[in-house]
């Protein structure tokens, strides 16, 4: 396994966003990986930040829907619509 180190000067929310984004990207790539937050990270805070992302919806949003909903309708993604 190889290792990369990134040092950041960011607040707790930005840190959680970056850690979660790295985890999501690695999951999308599908390789064997480990994301190891630094010693100051609090797992509950990382989880709470992760939970804020769930407010994004493929089905609902503003007047035209979320960017995901607009893209799905435009590109005929095959994602079945409910309702």
PDB file of N, CA and C in Angstrom:
ATOM      1  N   UNK A   1       0.855  -1.177   0.000  1.00  0.00           N
ATOM      2  CA  UNK A   1       0.000   0.000   0.000  1.00  0.00           C
ATOM      3  C   UNK A   1       0.898   1.236   0.000  1.00  0.00           C
ATOM      4  N   UNK A   2       0.514   2.265  -0.731  1.00  0.00           N
ATOM      5  CA  UNK A   2       1.248   3.530  -0.769  1.00  0.00           C
ATOM      6  C   UNK A   2       0.566   4.545   0.121  1.00  0.00           C
ATOM      7  N   UNK A   3       1.268   5.627   0.431  1.00  0.00           N
ATOM      8  CA  UNK A   3       0.746   6.616   1.364  1.00  0.00           C
ATOM      9  C   UNK A   3       0.949   8.016   0.796  1.00  0.00           C
ATOM     10  N   UNK A   4      -0.037   8.902   1.055  1.00  0.00           N
ATOM     11  CA  UNK A   4       0.063  10.310   0.696  1.00  0.00           C
ATOM     12  C   UNK A   4      -0.318  11.118   1.932  1.00  0.00           C
ATOM     13  N   UNK A   5       0.375  12.215   2.167  1.00  0.00           N
ATOM     14  CA  UNK A   5       0.084  13.071   3.302  1.00  0.00           C
ATOM     15  C   UNK A   5      -0.238  14.466   2.786  1.00  0.00           C
ATOM     16  N   UNK A   6      -1.321  15.027   3.291  1.00  0.00           N
ATOM     17  CA  UNK A   6      -1.730  16.385   2.932  1.00  0.00           C
ATOM     18  C   UNK A   6      -1.902  17.158   4.231  1.00  0.00           C
ATOM     19  N   UNK A   7      -1.251  18.300   4.342  1.00  0.00           N
ATOM     20  CA  UNK A   7      -1.401  19.133   5.529  1.00  0.00           C
ATOM     21  C   UNK A   7      -2.246  20.342   5.165  1.00  0.00           C
ATOM     22  N   UNK A   8      -3.239  20.650   6.021  1.00  0.00           N
ATOM     23  CA  UNK A   8      -4.208  21.701   5.732  1.00  0.00           C
ATOM     24  C   UNK A   8      -4.328  22.675   6.886  1.00  0.00           C
ATOM     25  N   UNK A   9      -4.630  23.918   6.556  1.00  0.00           N
ATOM     26  CA  UNK A   9      -4.950  24.921   7.570  1.00  0.00           C
ATOM     27  C   UNK A   9      -6.409  25.296   7.336  1.00  0.00           C
ATOM     28  N   UNK A  10      -7.316  24.498   7.904  1.00  0.00           N
ATOM     29  CA  UNK A  10      -8.751  24.664   7.666  1.00  0.00           C
ATOM     30  C   UNK A  10      -9.511  24.529   8.981  1.00  0.00           C
ATOM     31  N   UNK A  11     -10.763  24.992   8.990  1.00  0.00           N
ATOM     32  CA  UNK A  11     -11.581  24.827  10.196  1.00  0.00           C
ATOM     33  C   UNK A  11     -12.143  23.400  10.255  1.00  0.00           C
ATOM     34  N   UNK A  12     -12.816  23.084  11.340  1.00  0.00           N
ATOM     35  CA  UNK A  12     -13.306  21.719  11.574  1.00  0.00           C
ATOM     36  C   UNK A  12     -14.278  21.252  10.493  1.00  0.00           C
ATOM     37  N   UNK A  13     -15.175  22.132  10.047  1.00  0.00           N
ATOM     38  CA  UNK A  13     -16.128  21.737   9.002  1.00  0.00           C
ATOM     39  C   UNK A  13     -15.433  21.475   7.674  1.00  0.00           C
ATOM     40  N   UNK A  14     -14.493  22.348   7.308  1.00  0.00           N
ATOM     41  CA  UNK A  14     -13.754  22.126   6.061  1.00  0.00           C
ATOM     42  C   UNK A  14     -12.956  20.823   6.148  1.00  0.00           C
ATOM     43  N   UNK A  15     -12.357  20.586   7.299  1.00  0.00           N
ATOM     44  CA  UNK A  15     -11.597  19.358   7.484  1.00  0.00           C
ATOM     45  C   UNK A  15     -12.495  18.143   7.282  1.00  0.00           C
ATOM     46  N   UNK A  16     -13.661  18.159   7.916  1.00  0.00           N
ATOM     47  CA  UNK A  16     -14.605  17.044   7.784  1.00  0.00           C
ATOM     48  C   UNK A  16     -15.040  16.882   6.325  1.00  0.00           C
ATOM     49  N   UNK A  17     -15.295  17.998   5.637  1.00  0.00           N
ATOM     50  CA  UNK A  17     -15.674  17.922   4.223  1.00  0.00           C
ATOM     51  C   UNK A  17     -14.574  17.257   3.392  1.00  0.00           C
ATOM     52  N   UNK A  18     -13.341  17.636   3.642  1.00  0.00           N
ATOM     53  CA  UNK A  18     -12.219  17.085   2.872  1.00  0.00           C
ATOM     54  C   UNK A  18     -12.028  15.608   3.173  1.00  0.00           C
ATOM     55  N   UNK A  19     -12.062  15.233   4.448  1.00  0.00           N
ATOM     56  CA  UNK A  19     -11.918  13.820   4.819  1.00  0.00           C
ATOM     57  C   UNK A  19     -13.030  12.994   4.168  1.00  0.00           C
ATOM     58  N   UNK A  20     -14.268  13.488   4.252  1.00  0.00           N
ATOM     59  CA  UNK A  20     -15.394  12.762   3.663  1.00  0.00           C
ATOM     60  C   UNK A  20     -15.302  12.707   2.145  1.00  0.00           C
ATOM     61  N   UNK A  21     -14.844  13.790   1.513  1.00  0.00           N
ATOM     62  CA  UNK A  21     -14.704  13.805   0.050  1.00  0.00           C
ATOM     63  C   UNK A  21     -13.646  12.803  -0.403  1.00  0.00           C
ATOM     64  N   UNK A  22     -12.553  12.734   0.328  1.00  0.00           N
ATOM     65  CA  UNK A  22     -11.514  11.748  -0.017  1.00  0.00           C
ATOM     66  C   UNK A  22     -12.085  10.342   0.112  1.00  0.00           C
ATOM     67  N   UNK A  23     -12.814  10.092   1.195  1.00  0.00           N
ATOM     68  CA  UNK A  23     -13.413   8.764   1.384  1.00  0.00           C
ATOM     69  C   UNK A  23     -14.376   8.437   0.230  1.00  0.00           C
ATOM     70  N   UNK A  24     -15.231   9.410  -0.127  1.00  0.00           N
ATOM     71  CA  UNK A  24     -16.193   9.173  -1.217  1.00  0.00           C
ATOM     72  C   UNK A  24     -15.469   8.892  -2.531  1.00  0.00           C
ATOM     73  N   UNK A  25     -14.429   9.655  -2.818  1.00  0.00           N
ATOM     74  CA  UNK A  25     -13.693   9.467  -4.068  1.00  0.00           C
ATOM     75  C   UNK A  25     -13.026   8.103  -4.112  1.00  0.00           C
ATOM     76  N   UNK A  26     -12.443   7.690  -3.011  1.00  0.00           N
ATOM     77  CA  UNK A  26     -11.788   6.390  -2.978  1.00  0.00           C
ATOM     78  C   UNK A  26     -12.800   5.255  -3.130  1.00  0.00           C
ATOM     79  N   UNK A  27     -13.983   5.423  -2.550  1.00  0.00           N
ATOM     80  CA  UNK A  27     -15.041   4.424  -2.737  1.00  0.00           C
ATOM     81  C   UNK A  27     -15.442   4.345  -4.200  1.00  0.00           C
ATOM     82  N   UNK A  28     -15.517   5.501  -4.863  1.00  0.00           N
ATOM     83  CA  UNK A  28     -15.904   5.528  -6.281  1.00  0.00           C
ATOM     84  C   UNK A  28     -14.860   4.838  -7.151  1.00  0.00           C
ATOM     85  N   UNK A  29     -13.601   4.980  -6.797  1.00  0.00           N
ATOM     86  CA  UNK A  29     -12.524   4.355  -7.561  1.00  0.00           C
ATOM     87  C   UNK A  29     -12.516   2.852  -7.338  1.00  0.00           C
ATOM     88  N   UNK A  30     -12.853   2.434  -6.122  1.00  0.00           N
ATOM     89  CA  UNK A  30     -12.964   1.011  -5.834  1.00  0.00           C
ATOM     90  C   UNK A  30     -11.647   0.311  -5.560  1.00  0.00           C
ATOM     91  N   UNK A  31     -10.690   1.016  -4.987  1.00  0.00           N
ATOM     92  CA  UNK A  31      -9.431   0.355  -4.648  1.00  0.00           C
ATOM     93  C   UNK A  31      -9.358   0.100  -3.145  1.00  0.00           C
ATOM     94  N   UNK A  32      -8.350  -0.648  -2.746  1.00  0.00           N
ATOM     95  CA  UNK A  32      -8.135  -0.916  -1.322  1.00  0.00           C
ATOM     96  C   UNK A  32      -7.528   0.343  -0.709  1.00  0.00           C
ATOM     97  N   UNK A  33      -8.164   0.901   0.322  1.00  0.00           N
ATOM     98  CA  UNK A  33      -7.680   2.158   0.889  1.00  0.00           C
ATOM     99  C   UNK A  33      -8.033   2.274   2.359  1.00  0.00           C
ATOM    100  N   UNK A  34      -7.389   3.226   3.008  1.00  0.00           N
ATOM    101  CA  UNK A  34      -7.721   3.601   4.379  1.00  0.00           C
ATOM    102  C   UNK A  34      -7.605   5.111   4.466  1.00  0.00           C
ATOM    103  N   UNK A  35      -8.616   5.762   5.002  1.00  0.00           N
ATOM    104  CA  UNK A  35      -8.563   7.186   5.280  1.00  0.00           C
ATOM    105  C   UNK A  35      -8.424   7.303   6.796  1.00  0.00           C
ATOM    106  N   UNK A  36      -7.322   7.877   7.233  1.00  0.00           N
ATOM    107  CA  UNK A  36      -7.033   7.954   8.659  1.00  0.00           C
ATOM    108  C   UNK A  36      -6.990   9.430   9.066  1.00  0.00           C
ATOM    109  N   UNK A  37      -8.052   9.923   9.702  1.00  0.00           N
ATOM    110  CA  UNK A  37      -8.057  11.320  10.154  1.00  0.00           C
ATOM    111  C   UNK A  37      -6.966  11.559  11.201  1.00  0.00           C
ATOM    112  N   UNK A  38      -6.582  12.824  11.352  1.00  0.00           N
ATOM    113  CA  UNK A  38      -5.548  13.142  12.327  1.00  0.00           C
ATOM    114  C   UNK A  38      -6.061  12.959  13.756  1.00  0.00           C
ATOM    115  N   UNK A  39      -5.169  13.085  14.709  1.00  0.00           N
ATOM    116  CA  UNK A  39      -5.495  12.845  16.111  1.00  0.00           C
ATOM    117  C   UNK A  39      -6.462  13.848  16.713  1.00  0.00           C
ATOM    118  N   UNK A  40      -6.647  15.002  16.059  1.00  0.00           N
ATOM    119  CA  UNK A  40      -7.576  16.008  16.579  1.00  0.00           C
ATOM    120  C   UNK A  40      -9.003  15.787  16.079  1.00  0.00           C
ATOM    121  N   UNK A  41      -9.169  14.950  15.070  1.00  0.00           N
ATOM    122  CA  UNK A  41     -10.501  14.708  14.504  1.00  0.00           C
ATOM    123  C   UNK A  41     -11.375  13.954  15.498  1.00  0.00           C
ATOM    124  N   UNK A  42     -12.652  14.316  15.505  1.00  0.00           N
ATOM    125  CA  UNK A  42     -13.632  13.641  16.358  1.00  0.00           C
ATOM    126  C   UNK A  42     -14.598  12.905  15.434  1.00  0.00           C
ATOM    127  N   UNK A  43     -14.633  11.567  15.566  1.00  0.00           N
ATOM    128  CA  UNK A  43     -15.460  10.801  14.627  1.00  0.00           C
ATOM    129  C   UNK A  43     -16.908  11.231  14.604  1.00  0.00           C
ATOM    130  N   UNK A  44     -17.470  11.588  15.758  1.00  0.00           N
ATOM    131  CA  UNK A  44     -18.859  12.049  15.785  1.00  0.00           C
ATOM    132  C   UNK A  44     -19.041  13.313  14.930  1.00  0.00           C
ATOM    133  N   UNK A  45     -18.058  14.201  14.966  1.00  0.00           N
ATOM    134  CA  UNK A  45     -18.146  15.419  14.156  1.00  0.00           C
ATOM    135  C   UNK A  45     -18.036  15.104  12.664  1.00  0.00           C
ATOM    136  N   UNK A  46     -17.162  14.159  12.314  1.00  0.00           N
ATOM    137  CA  UNK A  46     -17.056  13.751  10.912  1.00  0.00           C
ATOM    138  C   UNK A  46     -18.374  13.135  10.451  1.00  0.00           C
ATOM    139  N   UNK A  47     -18.975  12.297  11.297  1.00  0.00           N
ATOM    140  CA  UNK A  47     -20.263  11.671  10.965  1.00  0.00           C
ATOM    141  C   UNK A  47     -21.377  12.714  10.853  1.00  0.00           C
ATOM    142  N   UNK A  48     -21.400  13.672  11.772  1.00  0.00           N
ATOM    143  CA  UNK A  48     -22.430  14.712  11.719  1.00  0.00           C
ATOM    144  C   UNK A  48     -22.320  15.519  10.427  1.00  0.00           C
ATOM    145  N   UNK A  49     -21.099  15.831  10.020  1.00  0.00           N
ATOM    146  CA  UNK A  49     -20.902  16.579   8.772  1.00  0.00           C
ATOM    147  C   UNK A  49     -21.360  15.723   7.592  1.00  0.00           C
ATOM    148  N   UNK A  50     -21.036  14.432   7.621  1.00  0.00           N
ATOM    149  CA  UNK A  50     -21.466  13.509   6.564  1.00  0.00           C
ATOM    150  C   UNK A  50     -22.988  13.523   6.457  1.00  0.00           C
ATOM    151  N   UNK A  51     -23.668  13.517   7.611  1.00  0.00           N
ATOM    152  CA  UNK A  51     -25.128  13.492   7.618  1.00  0.00           C
ATOM    153  C   UNK A  51     -25.729  14.746   6.985  1.00  0.00           C
ATOM    154  N   UNK A  52     -25.015  15.860   6.985  1.00  0.00           N
ATOM    155  CA  UNK A  52     -25.561  17.075   6.366  1.00  0.00           C
ATOM    156  C   UNK A  52     -25.642  16.942   4.856  1.00  0.00           C
ATOM    157  N   UNK A  53     -24.846  16.053   4.268  1.00  0.00           N
ATOM    158  CA  UNK A  53     -24.881  15.883   2.811  1.00  0.00           C
ATOM    159  C   UNK A  53     -26.169  15.205   2.368  1.00  0.00           C
ATOM    160  N   UNK A  54     -26.853  14.508   3.262  1.00  0.00           N
ATOM    161  CA  UNK A  54     -28.043  13.748   2.886  1.00  0.00           C
ATOM    162  C   UNK A  54     -29.245  14.629   2.578  1.00  0.00           C
ATOM    163  N   UNK A  55     -29.118  15.930   2.783  1.00  0.00           N
ATOM    164  CA  UNK A  55     -30.222  16.826   2.468  1.00  0.00           C
ATOM    165  C   UNK A  55     -30.386  17.005   0.964  1.00  0.00           C
ATOM    166  N   UNK A  56     -29.395  16.563   0.191  1.00  0.00           N
ATOM    167  CA  UNK A  56     -29.478  16.643  -1.262  1.00  0.00           C
ATOM    168  C   UNK A  56     -30.419  15.547  -1.741  1.00  0.00           C
ATOM    169  N   UNK A  57     -31.325  15.901  -2.622  1.00  0.00           N
ATOM    170  CA  UNK A  57     -32.316  14.944  -3.095  1.00  0.00           C
ATOM    171  C   UNK A  57     -32.327  14.891  -4.611  1.00  0.00           C
ATOM    172  N   UNK A  58     -32.432  13.697  -5.158  1.00  0.00           N
ATOM    173  CA  UNK A  58     -32.544  13.542  -6.605  1.00  0.00           C
ATOM    174  C   UNK A  58     -33.931  13.970  -7.078  1.00  0.00           C
ATOM    175  N   UNK A  59     -34.911  13.855  -6.221  1.00  0.00           N
ATOM    176  CA  UNK A  59     -36.293  14.095  -6.631  1.00  0.00           C
ATOM    177  C   UNK A  59     -36.742  15.534  -6.423  1.00  0.00           C
ATOM    178  N   UNK A  60     -36.369  16.123  -5.288  1.00  0.00           N
ATOM    179  CA  UNK A  60     -36.915  17.444  -4.983  1.00  0.00           C
ATOM    180  C   UNK A  60     -35.822  18.473  -4.826  1.00  0.00           C
ATOM    181  N   UNK A  61     -36.218  19.710  -4.821  1.00  0.00           N
ATOM    182  CA  UNK A  61     -35.258  20.794  -4.678  1.00  0.00           C
ATOM    183  C   UNK A  61     -35.966  22.106  -4.912  1.00  0.00           C
ATOM    184  N   UNK A  62     -35.292  23.044  -5.541  1.00  0.00           N
ATOM    185  CA  UNK A  62     -35.876  24.345  -5.840  1.00  0.00           C
ATOM    186  C   UNK A  62     -36.918  24.254  -6.937  1.00  0.00           C
ATOM    187  N   UNK A  63     -37.142  25.335  -7.631  1.00  0.00           N
ATOM    188  CA  UNK A  63     -38.189  25.367  -8.660  1.00  0.00           C
ATOM    189  C   UNK A  63     -37.971  24.331  -9.751  1.00  0.00           C
ATOM    190  N   UNK A  64     -36.727  24.130 -10.153  1.00  0.00           N
ATOM    191  CA  UNK A  64     -36.447  23.124 -11.180  1.00  0.00           C
ATOM    192  C   UNK A  64     -35.893  21.840 -10.587  1.00  0.00           C
ATOM    193  N   UNK A  65     -35.734  21.782  -9.272  1.00  0.00           N
ATOM    194  CA  UNK A  65     -35.142  20.618  -8.629  1.00  0.00           C
ATOM    195  C   UNK A  65     -33.668  20.843  -8.366  1.00  0.00           C
ATOM    196  N   UNK A  66     -33.059  19.905  -7.708  1.00  0.00           N
ATOM    197  CA  UNK A  66     -31.636  19.993  -7.419  1.00  0.00           C
ATOM    198  C   UNK A  66     -30.851  19.800  -8.710  1.00  0.00           C
ATOM    199  N   UNK A  67     -29.572  20.165  -8.727  1.00  0.00           N
ATOM    200  CA  UNK A  67     -28.768  19.908  -9.925  1.00  0.00           C
ATOM    201  C   UNK A  67     -28.809  18.440 -10.341  1.00  0.00           C
ATOM    202  N   UNK A  68     -28.868  17.531  -9.352  1.00  0.00           N
ATOM    203  CA  UNK A  68     -28.929  16.104  -9.674  1.00  0.00           C
ATOM    204  C   UNK A  68     -30.236  15.767 -10.379  1.00  0.00           C
ATOM    205  N   UNK A  69     -31.340  16.342  -9.889  1.00  0.00           N
ATOM    206  CA  UNK A  69     -32.642  16.055 -10.500  1.00  0.00           C
ATOM    207  C   UNK A  69     -32.704  16.611 -11.919  1.00  0.00           C
ATOM    208  N   UNK A  70     -32.186  17.815 -12.111  1.00  0.00           N
ATOM    209  CA  UNK A  70     -32.186  18.420 -13.443  1.00  0.00           C
ATOM    210  C   UNK A  70     -31.361  17.560 -14.391  1.00  0.00           C
ATOM    211  N   UNK A  71     -30.176  17.125 -13.959  1.00  0.00           N
ATOM    212  CA  UNK A  71     -29.313  16.305 -14.802  1.00  0.00           C
ATOM    213  C   UNK A  71     -29.975  14.974 -15.134  1.00  0.00           C
ATOM    214  N   UNK A  72     -30.639  14.371 -14.159  1.00  0.00           N
ATOM    215  CA  UNK A  72     -31.287  13.076 -14.385  1.00  0.00           C
ATOM    216  C   UNK A  72     -32.396  13.209 -15.422  1.00  0.00           C
ATOM    217  N   UNK A  73     -33.173  14.292 -15.345  1.00  0.00           N
ATOM    218  CA  UNK A  73     -34.256  14.499 -16.305  1.00  0.00           C
ATOM    219  C   UNK A  73     -33.702  14.790 -17.690  1.00  0.00           C
ATOM    220  N   UNK A  74     -32.640  15.584 -17.753  1.00  0.00           N
ATOM    221  CA  UNK A  74     -32.050  15.977 -19.025  1.00  0.00           C
ATOM    222  C   UNK A  74     -31.383  14.814 -19.732  1.00  0.00           C
ATOM    223  N   UNK A  75     -30.661  14.019 -18.965  1.00  0.00           N
ATOM    224  CA  UNK A  75     -29.851  12.967 -19.569  1.00  0.00           C
ATOM    225  C   UNK A  75     -30.559  11.627 -19.604  1.00  0.00           C
ATOM    226  N   UNK A  76     -31.781  11.549 -19.121  1.00  0.00           N
ATOM    227  CA  UNK A  76     -32.493  10.275 -19.138  1.00  0.00           C
ATOM    228  C   UNK A  76     -31.665   9.180 -18.499  1.00  0.00           C
ATOM    229  N   UNK A  77     -31.297   9.395 -17.260  1.00  0.00           N
ATOM    230  CA  UNK A  77     -30.370   8.510 -16.578  1.00  0.00           C
ATOM    231  C   UNK A  77     -30.898   7.113 -16.323  1.00  0.00           C
ATOM    232  N   UNK A  78     -32.169   6.901 -16.531  1.00  0.00           N
ATOM    233  CA  UNK A  78     -32.723   5.598 -16.230  1.00  0.00           C
ATOM    234  C   UNK A  78     -33.088   5.434 -14.772  1.00  0.00           C
ATOM    235  N   UNK A  79     -32.908   6.488 -13.984  1.00  0.00           N
ATOM    236  CA  UNK A  79     -33.281   6.425 -12.575  1.00  0.00           C
ATOM    237  C   UNK A  79     -34.800   6.542 -12.505  1.00  0.00           C
ATOM    238  N   UNK A  80     -35.490   5.515 -12.003  1.00  0.00           N
ATOM    239  CA  UNK A  80     -36.949   5.587 -11.959  1.00  0.00           C
ATOM    240  C   UNK A  80     -37.427   6.710 -11.046  1.00  0.00           C
ATOM    241  N   UNK A  81     -38.412   7.421 -11.487  1.00  0.00           N
ATOM    242  CA  UNK A  81     -38.990   8.498 -10.692  1.00  0.00           C
ATOM    243  C   UNK A  81     -40.126   7.958  -9.854  1.00  0.00           C
ATOM    244  N   UNK A  82     -40.230   8.466  -8.638  1.00  0.00           N
ATOM    245  CA  UNK A  82     -41.318   8.062  -7.760  1.00  0.00           C
ATOM    246  C   UNK A  82     -42.354   9.164  -7.756  1.00  0.00           C
ATOM    247  N   UNK A  83     -43.593   8.795  -7.534  1.00  0.00           N
ATOM    248  CA  UNK A  83     -44.597   9.845  -7.385  1.00  0.00           C
ATOM    249  C   UNK A  83     -45.682   9.832  -8.378  1.00  0.00           C
TER     250      UNK A  83
END
